[in-house]
Amino acid sequence: MMKRIRVALVLSLPFVFAMCSTEPDNTPNPFGGNNGVVTIPDTVDPTTMVGLHKYLFAVKCANPTCHDGSFEPDFRTAESTYQTLVYHPVTKNTPDERFDFRVRPNNHAESWLYERLITTDDVIGRMPLYAPALAEKELGWVRDWINSGAPDPNGNPSVYPNQLPQVNGFGIYDSQNQPISTRLNGQVSPLALPNNEAVTLYVLVEDDSTAFGDLQVNQGKFALDEYNFSQAVTKQATAFGTVAYGINFNTNEFTPGDTVYFRYYVRDDEDPRIVEFPSDESPWYFRIIASFVVQ
């Protein structure tokens, strides 16, 4: 496509002098032809994020009440387009939940974005809705961008966004492998544990990139101060299956009547930061729920 830019010649001198010559002037007139309009080629590569946004997403998808920021993906800018596509988990999916990401770099066939552009499933819906399907040339731009690694608007290679490990819950089981769920005063209060009982505290942990068995630290700490764990009792956790880590202890290790607060510590193999849960910044009820009193 060629851009047309109309160039106006402004004369800043009050007079223009013409010099006489007996030789014809064969110098090309830069403003000649096309009524003074100079054409400059458009150099934006349509197989880049900037090009795709300019030629496809901004003009065909970022419509009012559609992808204009009303809901994701957000196609208002090249940057918001990239952030809400690449390695972004899908919300709507196929019945067999085939797709993990809206765009999986280097694999257009496993990218939900591309599937939505070519699907013939009326339930899933081909994009853009209520508009003609993209031409094969345009689909080629999308394929080329994805299969080249889905670079960001600055041309930088996409990088998988490592997430910190997530602690999803915990529970205490007695020596008969029965859950202990009685609390002292309603749902948001410490658990009531029997004295001299061998128990296991299970912690549900997951991570987006590190295999469950490769998670590191995996320690539980027990303290009498809700906020001060500097003198806490530390116990190592052991993996049980592929979803939980367990800490074994006997309740007679703690003084009956004392409120004992628990926190768990874990990290993955890609980020040196250690996750603490619950933490000082957690909602107050998490710290209360993660506590117990030996009866």
C-alpha atoms as a PDB file:
ATOM      1  CA  MET A   1       0.000   0.000   0.000  1.00  0.00           C
ATOM      2  CA  MET A   2       1.328   3.496  -0.761  1.00  0.00           C
ATOM      3  CA  LYS A   3       0.823   6.506   1.432  1.00  0.00           C
ATOM      4  CA  ARG A   4       0.090   9.826  -0.245  1.00  0.00           C
ATOM      5  CA  ILE A   5       1.586  12.817   1.413  1.00  0.00           C
ATOM      6  CA  ARG A   6       0.824  16.225  -0.062  1.00  0.00           C
ATOM      7  CA  VAL A   7       3.900  18.404   0.135  1.00  0.00           C
ATOM      8  CA  ALA A   8       3.459  22.184   0.089  1.00  0.00           C
ATOM      9  CA  LEU A   9       6.360  24.348  -1.121  1.00  0.00           C
ATOM     10  CA  VAL A  10       6.662  27.450   1.013  1.00  0.00           C
ATOM     11  CA  LEU A  11       8.724  30.384  -0.294  1.00  0.00           C
ATOM     12  CA  SER A  12      10.243  32.460   2.461  1.00  0.00           C
ATOM     13  CA  LEU A  13      11.799  35.169   0.230  1.00  0.00           C
ATOM     14  CA  PRO A  14       9.735  38.110  -1.012  1.00  0.00           C
ATOM     15  CA  PHE A  15      11.119  37.787  -4.532  1.00  0.00           C
ATOM     16  CA  VAL A  16      12.054  34.866  -6.735  1.00  0.00           C
ATOM     17  CA  PHE A  17      14.791  35.467  -9.260  1.00  0.00           C
ATOM     18  CA  ALA A  18      15.023  33.437 -12.458  1.00  0.00           C
ATOM     19  CA  MET A  19      18.384  33.048 -14.135  1.00  0.00           C
ATOM     20  CA  CYS A  20      18.530  32.911 -17.891  1.00  0.00           C
ATOM     21  CA  SER A  21      20.306  30.038 -19.604  1.00  0.00           C
ATOM     22  CA  THR A  22      20.668  29.012 -23.178  1.00  0.00           C
ATOM     23  CA  GLU A  23      20.848  25.293 -22.153  1.00  0.00           C
ATOM     24  CA  PRO A  24      17.667  23.369 -21.339  1.00  0.00           C
ATOM     25  CA  ASP A  25      17.272  22.297 -17.683  1.00  0.00           C
ATOM     26  CA  ASN A  26      16.904  18.530 -17.643  1.00  0.00           C
ATOM     27  CA  THR A  27      16.891  18.243 -13.824  1.00  0.00           C
ATOM     28  CA  PRO A  28      13.918  16.086 -12.741  1.00  0.00           C
ATOM     29  CA  ASN A  29      11.249  18.070 -11.018  1.00  0.00           C
ATOM     30  CA  PRO A  30      10.686  16.437  -7.599  1.00  0.00           C
ATOM     31  CA  PHE A  31       7.216  17.973  -7.490  1.00  0.00           C
ATOM     32  CA  GLY A  32       6.274  17.137 -11.039  1.00  0.00           C
ATOM     33  CA  GLY A  33       3.555  14.652 -11.923  1.00  0.00           C
ATOM     34  CA  ASN A  34       0.585  13.600  -9.836  1.00  0.00           C
ATOM     35  CA  ASN A  35      -0.258  17.273  -9.401  1.00  0.00           C
ATOM     36  CA  GLY A  36       2.559  17.784  -6.929  1.00  0.00           C
ATOM     37  CA  VAL A  37       1.778  14.699  -4.811  1.00  0.00           C
ATOM     38  CA  VAL A  38       4.812  12.695  -3.674  1.00  0.00           C
ATOM     39  CA  THR A  39       4.277   9.022  -2.801  1.00  0.00           C
ATOM     40  CA  ILE A  40       6.295   7.387  -0.031  1.00  0.00           C
ATOM     41  CA  PRO A  41       6.165   3.617   0.472  1.00  0.00           C
ATOM     42  CA  ASP A  42       4.683   2.296   3.709  1.00  0.00           C
ATOM     43  CA  THR A  43       7.474   0.381   5.424  1.00  0.00           C
ATOM     44  CA  VAL A  44       5.540  -1.164   8.334  1.00  0.00           C
ATOM     45  CA  ASP A  45       5.957  -4.932   8.143  1.00  0.00           C
ATOM     46  CA  PRO A  46       2.506  -6.563   8.469  1.00  0.00           C
ATOM     47  CA  THR A  47       4.067  -9.654  10.053  1.00  0.00           C
ATOM     48  CA  THR A  48       5.177  -7.663  13.117  1.00  0.00           C
ATOM     49  CA  MET A  49       3.085  -6.781  16.142  1.00  0.00           C
ATOM     50  CA  VAL A  50       2.993  -3.132  15.069  1.00  0.00           C
ATOM     51  CA  GLY A  51       1.967  -4.087  11.546  1.00  0.00           C
ATOM     52  CA  LEU A  52      -0.696  -6.538  12.663  1.00  0.00           C
ATOM     53  CA  HIS A  53      -2.161  -3.940  14.981  1.00  0.00           C
ATOM     54  CA  LYS A  54      -2.183  -1.301  12.242  1.00  0.00           C
ATOM     55  CA  TYR A  55      -3.661  -3.407   9.456  1.00  0.00           C
ATOM     56  CA  LEU A  56      -5.823  -5.918  11.329  1.00  0.00           C
ATOM     57  CA  PHE A  57      -6.533  -5.518  15.027  1.00  0.00           C
ATOM     58  CA  ALA A  58      -7.016  -1.744  15.163  1.00  0.00           C
ATOM     59  CA  VAL A  59      -9.253  -1.560  12.095  1.00  0.00           C
ATOM     60  CA  LYS A  60     -11.145  -4.846  12.280  1.00  0.00           C
ATOM     61  CA  CYS A  61     -11.297  -5.778  15.955  1.00  0.00           C
ATOM     62  CA  ALA A  62     -10.959  -2.714  18.201  1.00  0.00           C
ATOM     63  CA  ASN A  63     -14.571  -1.728  17.552  1.00  0.00           C
ATOM     64  CA  PRO A  64     -16.850  -0.112  20.153  1.00  0.00           C
ATOM     65  CA  THR A  65     -18.039  -2.634  22.780  1.00  0.00           C
ATOM     66  CA  CYS A  66     -15.715  -5.265  21.283  1.00  0.00           C
ATOM     67  CA  HIS A  67     -11.932  -5.276  21.753  1.00  0.00           C
ATOM     68  CA  ASP A  68     -11.717  -1.567  22.527  1.00  0.00           C
ATOM     69  CA  GLY A  69     -10.833  -2.222  26.166  1.00  0.00           C
ATOM     70  CA  SER A  70     -14.348  -3.367  27.050  1.00  0.00           C
ATOM     71  CA  PHE A  71     -12.973  -6.879  27.456  1.00  0.00           C
ATOM     72  CA  GLU A  72      -9.862  -8.842  26.544  1.00  0.00           C
ATOM     73  CA  PRO A  73      -7.989  -9.156  24.300  1.00  0.00           C
ATOM     74  CA  ASP A  74      -7.465  -5.393  24.351  1.00  0.00           C
ATOM     75  CA  PHE A  75      -6.628  -4.215  20.834  1.00  0.00           C
ATOM     76  CA  ARG A  76      -6.473  -0.463  21.487  1.00  0.00           C
ATOM     77  CA  THR A  77      -2.683  -0.293  21.130  1.00  0.00           C
ATOM     78  CA  ALA A  78       0.049  -2.590  19.880  1.00  0.00           C
ATOM     79  CA  GLU A  79       1.308  -2.893  23.451  1.00  0.00           C
ATOM     80  CA  SER A  80      -2.061  -3.848  24.957  1.00  0.00           C
ATOM     81  CA  THR A  81      -2.601  -6.266  22.075  1.00  0.00           C
ATOM     82  CA  TYR A  82       0.677  -8.027  22.804  1.00  0.00           C
ATOM     83  CA  GLN A  83       0.146  -8.141  26.575  1.00  0.00           C
ATOM     84  CA  THR A  84      -3.322  -9.674  26.279  1.00  0.00           C
ATOM     85  CA  LEU A  85      -2.385 -12.242  23.634  1.00  0.00           C
ATOM     86  CA  VAL A  86       1.074 -13.732  24.123  1.00  0.00           C
ATOM     87  CA  TYR A  87       1.193 -16.452  26.784  1.00  0.00           C
ATOM     88  CA  HIS A  88      -2.150 -15.162  28.044  1.00  0.00           C
ATOM     89  CA  PRO A  89      -4.432 -17.959  29.321  1.00  0.00           C
ATOM     90  CA  VAL A  90      -7.627 -18.496  27.375  1.00  0.00           C
ATOM     91  CA  THR A  91     -11.048 -17.974  28.923  1.00  0.00           C
ATOM     92  CA  LYS A  92     -13.351 -19.442  26.286  1.00  0.00           C
ATOM     93  CA  ASN A  93     -12.011 -22.735  24.936  1.00  0.00           C
ATOM     94  CA  THR A  94     -12.861 -25.798  22.870  1.00  0.00           C
ATOM     95  CA  PRO A  95     -14.911 -28.549  24.585  1.00  0.00           C
ATOM     96  CA  ASP A  96     -11.746 -30.623  25.034  1.00  0.00           C
ATOM     97  CA  GLU A  97      -9.866 -27.564  26.390  1.00  0.00           C
ATOM     98  CA  ARG A  98      -7.206 -27.964  23.747  1.00  0.00           C
ATOM     99  CA  PHE A  99      -5.712 -24.491  24.035  1.00  0.00           C
ATOM    100  CA  ASP A 100      -3.664 -23.090  26.932  1.00  0.00           C
ATOM    101  CA  PHE A 101      -2.784 -19.660  25.548  1.00  0.00           C
ATOM    102  CA  ARG A 102      -4.271 -17.088  23.205  1.00  0.00           C
ATOM    103  CA  VAL A 103      -0.890 -17.037  21.456  1.00  0.00           C
ATOM    104  CA  ARG A 104       1.726 -19.714  21.939  1.00  0.00           C
ATOM    105  CA  PRO A 105       4.889 -18.389  20.263  1.00  0.00           C
ATOM    106  CA  ASN A 106       6.340 -20.540  17.477  1.00  0.00           C
ATOM    107  CA  ASN A 107       3.132 -22.571  17.138  1.00  0.00           C
ATOM    108  CA  HIS A 108       0.183 -21.005  15.360  1.00  0.00           C
ATOM    109  CA  ALA A 109      -1.765 -24.305  15.443  1.00  0.00           C
ATOM    110  CA  GLU A 110      -1.744 -24.229  19.250  1.00  0.00           C
ATOM    111  CA  SER A 111      -2.667 -20.543  19.448  1.00  0.00           C
ATOM    112  CA  TRP A 112      -6.292 -19.780  20.316  1.00  0.00           C
ATOM    113  CA  LEU A 113      -6.090 -16.498  18.405  1.00  0.00           C
ATOM    114  CA  TYR A 114      -5.435 -18.270  15.109  1.00  0.00           C
ATOM    115  CA  GLU A 115      -8.116 -20.868  15.802  1.00  0.00           C
ATOM    116  CA  ARG A 116     -10.683 -18.103  16.333  1.00  0.00           C
ATOM    117  CA  LEU A 117      -9.735 -16.584  12.976  1.00  0.00           C
ATOM    118  CA  ILE A 118     -10.291 -19.781  10.983  1.00  0.00           C
ATOM    119  CA  THR A 119     -12.874 -21.823  12.925  1.00  0.00           C
ATOM    120  CA  THR A 120     -16.070 -22.944  11.233  1.00  0.00           C
ATOM    121  CA  ASP A 121     -17.706 -23.793  14.572  1.00  0.00           C
ATOM    122  CA  ASP A 122     -20.697 -21.481  14.982  1.00  0.00           C
ATOM    123  CA  VAL A 123     -20.707 -21.995  18.764  1.00  0.00           C
ATOM    124  CA  ILE A 124     -17.092 -20.925  19.166  1.00  0.00           C
ATOM    125  CA  GLY A 125     -17.500 -18.172  16.597  1.00  0.00           C
ATOM    126  CA  ARG A 126     -15.089 -17.016  13.924  1.00  0.00           C
ATOM    127  CA  MET A 127     -13.453 -13.638  14.426  1.00  0.00           C
ATOM    128  CA  PRO A 128     -14.059 -10.927  13.550  1.00  0.00           C
ATOM    129  CA  LEU A 129     -17.716 -11.409  14.354  1.00  0.00           C
ATOM    130  CA  TYR A 130     -20.288  -9.904  11.982  1.00  0.00           C
ATOM    131  CA  ALA A 131     -17.564  -9.123   9.426  1.00  0.00           C
ATOM    132  CA  PRO A 132     -15.932 -10.904   6.484  1.00  0.00           C
ATOM    133  CA  ALA A 133     -13.301 -13.488   7.319  1.00  0.00           C
ATOM    134  CA  LEU A 134      -9.672 -12.479   6.973  1.00  0.00           C
ATOM    135  CA  ALA A 135      -8.111 -13.033   3.584  1.00  0.00           C
ATOM    136  CA  GLU A 136      -5.501 -15.756   3.220  1.00  0.00           C
ATOM    137  CA  LYS A 137      -2.820 -13.075   2.917  1.00  0.00           C
ATOM    138  CA  GLU A 138      -3.892 -11.594   6.257  1.00  0.00           C
ATOM    139  CA  LEU A 139      -3.984 -15.011   7.913  1.00  0.00           C
ATOM    140  CA  GLY A 140      -0.459 -15.504   6.604  1.00  0.00           C
ATOM    141  CA  TRP A 141       0.662 -12.367   8.426  1.00  0.00           C
ATOM    142  CA  VAL A 142      -0.676 -13.765  11.705  1.00  0.00           C
ATOM    143  CA  ARG A 143       0.909 -17.173  11.113  1.00  0.00           C
ATOM    144  CA  ASP A 144       4.268 -15.640  10.257  1.00  0.00           C
ATOM    145  CA  TRP A 145       4.280 -13.465  13.373  1.00  0.00           C
ATOM    146  CA  ILE A 146       3.372 -16.345  15.688  1.00  0.00           C
ATOM    147  CA  ASN A 147       5.739 -18.843  14.085  1.00  0.00           C
ATOM    148  CA  SER A 148       8.628 -16.352  14.244  1.00  0.00           C
ATOM    149  CA  GLY A 149       8.293 -16.316  18.031  1.00  0.00           C
ATOM    150  CA  ALA A 150       5.600 -13.612  18.431  1.00  0.00           C
ATOM    151  CA  PRO A 151       8.043 -10.724  19.068  1.00  0.00           C
ATOM    152  CA  ASP A 152       6.785  -7.754  21.068  1.00  0.00           C
ATOM    153  CA  PRO A 153       6.131  -4.304  19.491  1.00  0.00           C
ATOM    154  CA  ASN A 154       9.822  -3.453  19.821  1.00  0.00           C
ATOM    155  CA  GLY A 155      10.879  -6.654  18.069  1.00  0.00           C
ATOM    156  CA  ASN A 156      12.108  -8.353  21.237  1.00  0.00           C
ATOM    157  CA  PRO A 157      11.586 -12.124  21.491  1.00  0.00           C
ATOM    158  CA  SER A 158       8.686 -13.186  23.681  1.00  0.00           C
ATOM    159  CA  VAL A 159       9.624 -14.649  27.054  1.00  0.00           C
ATOM    160  CA  TYR A 160       7.477 -17.041  29.032  1.00  0.00           C
ATOM    161  CA  PRO A 161       6.260 -15.065  32.077  1.00  0.00           C
ATOM    162  CA  ASN A 162       7.272 -17.194  35.033  1.00  0.00           C
ATOM    163  CA  GLN A 163       4.758 -17.021  37.867  1.00  0.00           C
ATOM    164  CA  LEU A 164       5.655 -17.553  41.503  1.00  0.00           C
ATOM    165  CA  PRO A 165       4.408 -20.753  43.159  1.00  0.00           C
ATOM    166  CA  GLN A 166       0.898 -20.551  44.516  1.00  0.00           C
ATOM    167  CA  VAL A 167      -0.331 -21.966  47.829  1.00  0.00           C
ATOM    168  CA  ASN A 168      -3.951 -22.951  47.286  1.00  0.00           C
ATOM    169  CA  GLY A 169      -4.916 -24.285  50.700  1.00  0.00           C
ATOM    170  CA  PHE A 170      -4.050 -26.606  53.563  1.00  0.00           C
ATOM    171  CA  GLY A 171      -5.610 -29.069  55.963  1.00  0.00           C
ATOM    172  CA  ILE A 172      -4.658 -31.131  59.027  1.00  0.00           C
ATOM    173  CA  TYR A 173      -5.344 -34.873  59.250  1.00  0.00           C
ATOM    174  CA  ASP A 174      -5.095 -37.114  62.338  1.00  0.00           C
ATOM    175  CA  SER A 175      -3.288 -40.447  62.687  1.00  0.00           C
ATOM    176  CA  GLN A 176      -6.305 -42.214  61.136  1.00  0.00           C
ATOM    177  CA  ASN A 177      -6.045 -39.935  58.089  1.00  0.00           C
ATOM    178  CA  GLN A 178      -9.253 -38.181  59.034  1.00  0.00           C
ATOM    179  CA  PRO A 179      -9.522 -34.404  58.572  1.00  0.00           C
ATOM    180  CA  ILE A 180      -9.524 -32.217  61.665  1.00  0.00           C
ATOM    181  CA  SER A 181     -11.960 -29.415  60.937  1.00  0.00           C
ATOM    182  CA  THR A 182     -13.261 -28.294  64.331  1.00  0.00           C
ATOM    183  CA  ARG A 183     -12.506 -24.664  65.084  1.00  0.00           C
ATOM    184  CA  LEU A 184     -12.673 -22.860  68.386  1.00  0.00           C
ATOM    185  CA  ASN A 185     -15.182 -20.187  67.450  1.00  0.00           C
ATOM    186  CA  GLY A 186     -16.708 -20.363  63.994  1.00  0.00           C
ATOM    187  CA  GLN A 187     -15.115 -20.577  60.578  1.00  0.00           C
ATOM    188  CA  VAL A 188     -12.597 -17.761  61.064  1.00  0.00           C
ATOM    189  CA  SER A 189     -10.848 -19.011  64.200  1.00  0.00           C
ATOM    190  CA  PRO A 190      -7.984 -21.391  65.057  1.00  0.00           C
ATOM    191  CA  LEU A 191      -8.346 -25.133  64.569  1.00  0.00           C
ATOM    192  CA  ALA A 192      -8.799 -27.142  67.753  1.00  0.00           C
ATOM    193  CA  LEU A 193      -6.263 -29.991  67.806  1.00  0.00           C
ATOM    194  CA  PRO A 194      -6.316 -32.887  70.291  1.00  0.00           C
ATOM    195  CA  ASN A 195      -3.345 -33.233  72.626  1.00  0.00           C
ATOM    196  CA  ASN A 196      -0.723 -35.914  72.001  1.00  0.00           C
ATOM    197  CA  GLU A 197      -1.921 -36.712  68.498  1.00  0.00           C
ATOM    198  CA  ALA A 198       0.277 -37.524  65.492  1.00  0.00           C
ATOM    199  CA  VAL A 199      -0.972 -35.306  62.669  1.00  0.00           C
ATOM    200  CA  THR A 200      -0.056 -34.370  59.120  1.00  0.00           C
ATOM    201  CA  LEU A 201      -0.473 -30.854  57.795  1.00  0.00           C
ATOM    202  CA  TYR A 202      -0.998 -30.958  54.017  1.00  0.00           C
ATOM    203  CA  VAL A 203      -0.297 -27.857  51.895  1.00  0.00           C
ATOM    204  CA  LEU A 204      -1.643 -27.601  48.342  1.00  0.00           C
ATOM    205  CA  VAL A 205       0.991 -26.036  46.081  1.00  0.00           C
ATOM    206  CA  GLU A 206       1.239 -25.491  42.317  1.00  0.00           C
ATOM    207  CA  ASP A 207       3.502 -23.684  39.874  1.00  0.00           C
ATOM    208  CA  ASP A 208       3.121 -22.710  36.233  1.00  0.00           C
ATOM    209  CA  SER A 209       6.496 -23.934  34.978  1.00  0.00           C
ATOM    210  CA  THR A 210       8.384 -25.941  37.606  1.00  0.00           C
ATOM    211  CA  ALA A 211       7.441 -29.593  38.059  1.00  0.00           C
ATOM    212  CA  PHE A 212       5.780 -30.245  41.402  1.00  0.00           C
ATOM    213  CA  GLY A 213       8.583 -32.457  42.669  1.00  0.00           C
ATOM    214  CA  ASP A 214      11.199 -29.849  41.749  1.00  0.00           C
ATOM    215  CA  LEU A 215       9.797 -27.060  43.924  1.00  0.00           C
ATOM    216  CA  GLN A 216      12.313 -25.865  46.491  1.00  0.00           C
ATOM    217  CA  VAL A 217      12.471 -24.847  50.176  1.00  0.00           C
ATOM    218  CA  ASN A 218       9.122 -26.451  51.134  1.00  0.00           C
ATOM    219  CA  GLN A 219       9.214 -25.602  54.802  1.00  0.00           C
ATOM    220  CA  GLY A 220       6.571 -24.883  57.383  1.00  0.00           C
ATOM    221  CA  LYS A 221       7.160 -22.553  60.304  1.00  0.00           C
ATOM    222  CA  PHE A 222       5.223 -22.445  63.568  1.00  0.00           C
ATOM    223  CA  ALA A 223       5.278 -19.368  65.829  1.00  0.00           C
ATOM    224  CA  LEU A 224       3.389 -17.980  68.809  1.00  0.00           C
ATOM    225  CA  ASP A 225       3.448 -14.458  67.381  1.00  0.00           C
ATOM    226  CA  GLU A 226       1.153 -13.776  64.429  1.00  0.00           C
ATOM    227  CA  TYR A 227       3.714 -11.464  62.818  1.00  0.00           C
ATOM    228  CA  ASN A 228       7.110 -12.527  64.218  1.00  0.00           C
ATOM    229  CA  PHE A 229       8.534 -15.779  62.825  1.00  0.00           C
ATOM    230  CA  SER A 230      12.182 -15.087  63.673  1.00  0.00           C
ATOM    231  CA  GLN A 231      12.091 -17.678  66.489  1.00  0.00           C
ATOM    232  CA  ALA A 232       9.683 -20.044  64.765  1.00  0.00           C
ATOM    233  CA  VAL A 233       9.934 -23.829  64.809  1.00  0.00           C
ATOM    234  CA  THR A 234      10.837 -24.948  61.281  1.00  0.00           C
ATOM    235  CA  LYS A 235       9.787 -28.301  59.817  1.00  0.00           C
ATOM    236  CA  GLN A 236      10.595 -29.737  56.402  1.00  0.00           C
ATOM    237  CA  ALA A 237       7.751 -30.812  54.135  1.00  0.00           C
ATOM    238  CA  THR A 238       7.638 -33.933  51.973  1.00  0.00           C
ATOM    239  CA  ALA A 239       5.832 -34.276  48.652  1.00  0.00           C
ATOM    240  CA  PHE A 240       2.686 -36.413  48.693  1.00  0.00           C
ATOM    241  CA  GLY A 241       1.591 -37.232  45.162  1.00  0.00           C
ATOM    242  CA  THR A 242       1.669 -34.295  42.798  1.00  0.00           C
ATOM    243  CA  VAL A 243      -0.511 -31.702  44.520  1.00  0.00           C
ATOM    244  CA  ALA A 244       0.406 -31.490  48.208  1.00  0.00           C
ATOM    245  CA  TYR A 245       3.342 -31.306  50.560  1.00  0.00           C
ATOM    246  CA  GLY A 246       2.944 -32.787  54.036  1.00  0.00           C
ATOM    247  CA  ILE A 247       4.464 -31.914  57.405  1.00  0.00           C
ATOM    248  CA  ASN A 248       4.314 -34.533  60.148  1.00  0.00           C
ATOM    249  CA  PHE A 249       4.357 -33.551  63.820  1.00  0.00           C
ATOM    250  CA  ASN A 250       2.870 -34.475  67.187  1.00  0.00           C
ATOM    251  CA  THR A 251       0.613 -31.957  68.877  1.00  0.00           C
ATOM    252  CA  ASN A 252       2.405 -32.538  72.216  1.00  0.00           C
ATOM    253  CA  GLU A 253       5.263 -30.459  70.782  1.00  0.00           C
ATOM    254  CA  PHE A 254       3.144 -27.391  71.530  1.00  0.00           C
ATOM    255  CA  THR A 255       1.802 -26.105  74.844  1.00  0.00           C
ATOM    256  CA  PRO A 256      -1.960 -26.645  75.248  1.00  0.00           C
ATOM    257  CA  GLY A 257      -3.867 -23.388  75.152  1.00  0.00           C
ATOM    258  CA  ASP A 258      -1.290 -21.520  73.063  1.00  0.00           C
ATOM    259  CA  THR A 259      -2.353 -20.153  69.680  1.00  0.00           C
ATOM    260  CA  VAL A 260       0.182 -21.382  67.126  1.00  0.00           C
ATOM    261  CA  TYR A 261       0.440 -19.571  63.771  1.00  0.00           C
ATOM    262  CA  PHE A 262       1.598 -21.407  60.663  1.00  0.00           C
ATOM    263  CA  ARG A 263       3.274 -20.196  57.453  1.00  0.00           C
ATOM    264  CA  TYR A 264       4.564 -22.080  54.440  1.00  0.00           C
ATOM    265  CA  TYR A 265       7.622 -21.260  52.318  1.00  0.00           C
ATOM    266  CA  VAL A 266       8.296 -22.401  48.746  1.00  0.00           C
ATOM    267  CA  ARG A 267      10.040 -21.241  45.548  1.00  0.00           C
ATOM    268  CA  ASP A 268      10.393 -22.511  41.987  1.00  0.00           C
ATOM    269  CA  ASP A 269      13.618 -23.179  40.089  1.00  0.00           C
ATOM    270  CA  GLU A 270      13.411 -20.034  37.940  1.00  0.00           C
ATOM    271  CA  ASP A 271      12.922 -17.242  40.485  1.00  0.00           C
ATOM    272  CA  PRO A 272      15.000 -16.764  43.651  1.00  0.00           C
ATOM    273  CA  ARG A 273      12.113 -15.152  45.526  1.00  0.00           C
ATOM    274  CA  ILE A 274      10.560 -17.302  48.239  1.00  0.00           C
ATOM    275  CA  VAL A 275       6.795 -17.306  48.560  1.00  0.00           C
ATOM    276  CA  GLU A 276       5.499 -16.987  52.113  1.00  0.00           C
ATOM    277  CA  PHE A 277       1.861 -17.844  52.801  1.00  0.00           C
ATOM    278  CA  PRO A 278       0.139 -16.437  54.649  1.00  0.00           C
ATOM    279  CA  SER A 279       2.271 -13.318  54.965  1.00  0.00           C
ATOM    280  CA  ASP A 280       2.005 -10.025  56.823  1.00  0.00           C
ATOM    281  CA  GLU A 281       0.306  -8.597  53.734  1.00  0.00           C
ATOM    282  CA  SER A 282      -2.272 -11.382  53.455  1.00  0.00           C
ATOM    283  CA  PRO A 283      -5.861 -10.652  54.491  1.00  0.00           C
ATOM    284  CA  TRP A 284      -6.110 -11.029  58.263  1.00  0.00           C
ATOM    285  CA  TYR A 285      -8.439 -14.028  58.097  1.00  0.00           C
ATOM    286  CA  PHE A 286      -5.828 -16.122  56.262  1.00  0.00           C
ATOM    287  CA  ARG A 287      -3.469 -15.766  59.221  1.00  0.00           C
ATOM    288  CA  ILE A 288      -6.247 -16.752  61.629  1.00  0.00           C
ATOM    289  CA  ILE A 289      -7.378 -19.733  59.585  1.00  0.00           C
ATOM    290  CA  ALA A 290      -3.737 -20.893  59.383  1.00  0.00           C
ATOM    291  CA  SER A 291      -3.480 -21.240  63.170  1.00  0.00           C
ATOM    292  CA  PHE A 292      -4.380 -23.861  65.758  1.00  0.00           C
ATOM    293  CA  VAL A 293      -4.715 -24.391  69.494  1.00  0.00           C
ATOM    294  CA  VAL A 294      -3.859 -27.715  71.181  1.00  0.00           C
ATOM    295  CA  GLN A 295      -6.629 -28.639  73.626  1.00  0.00           C
END
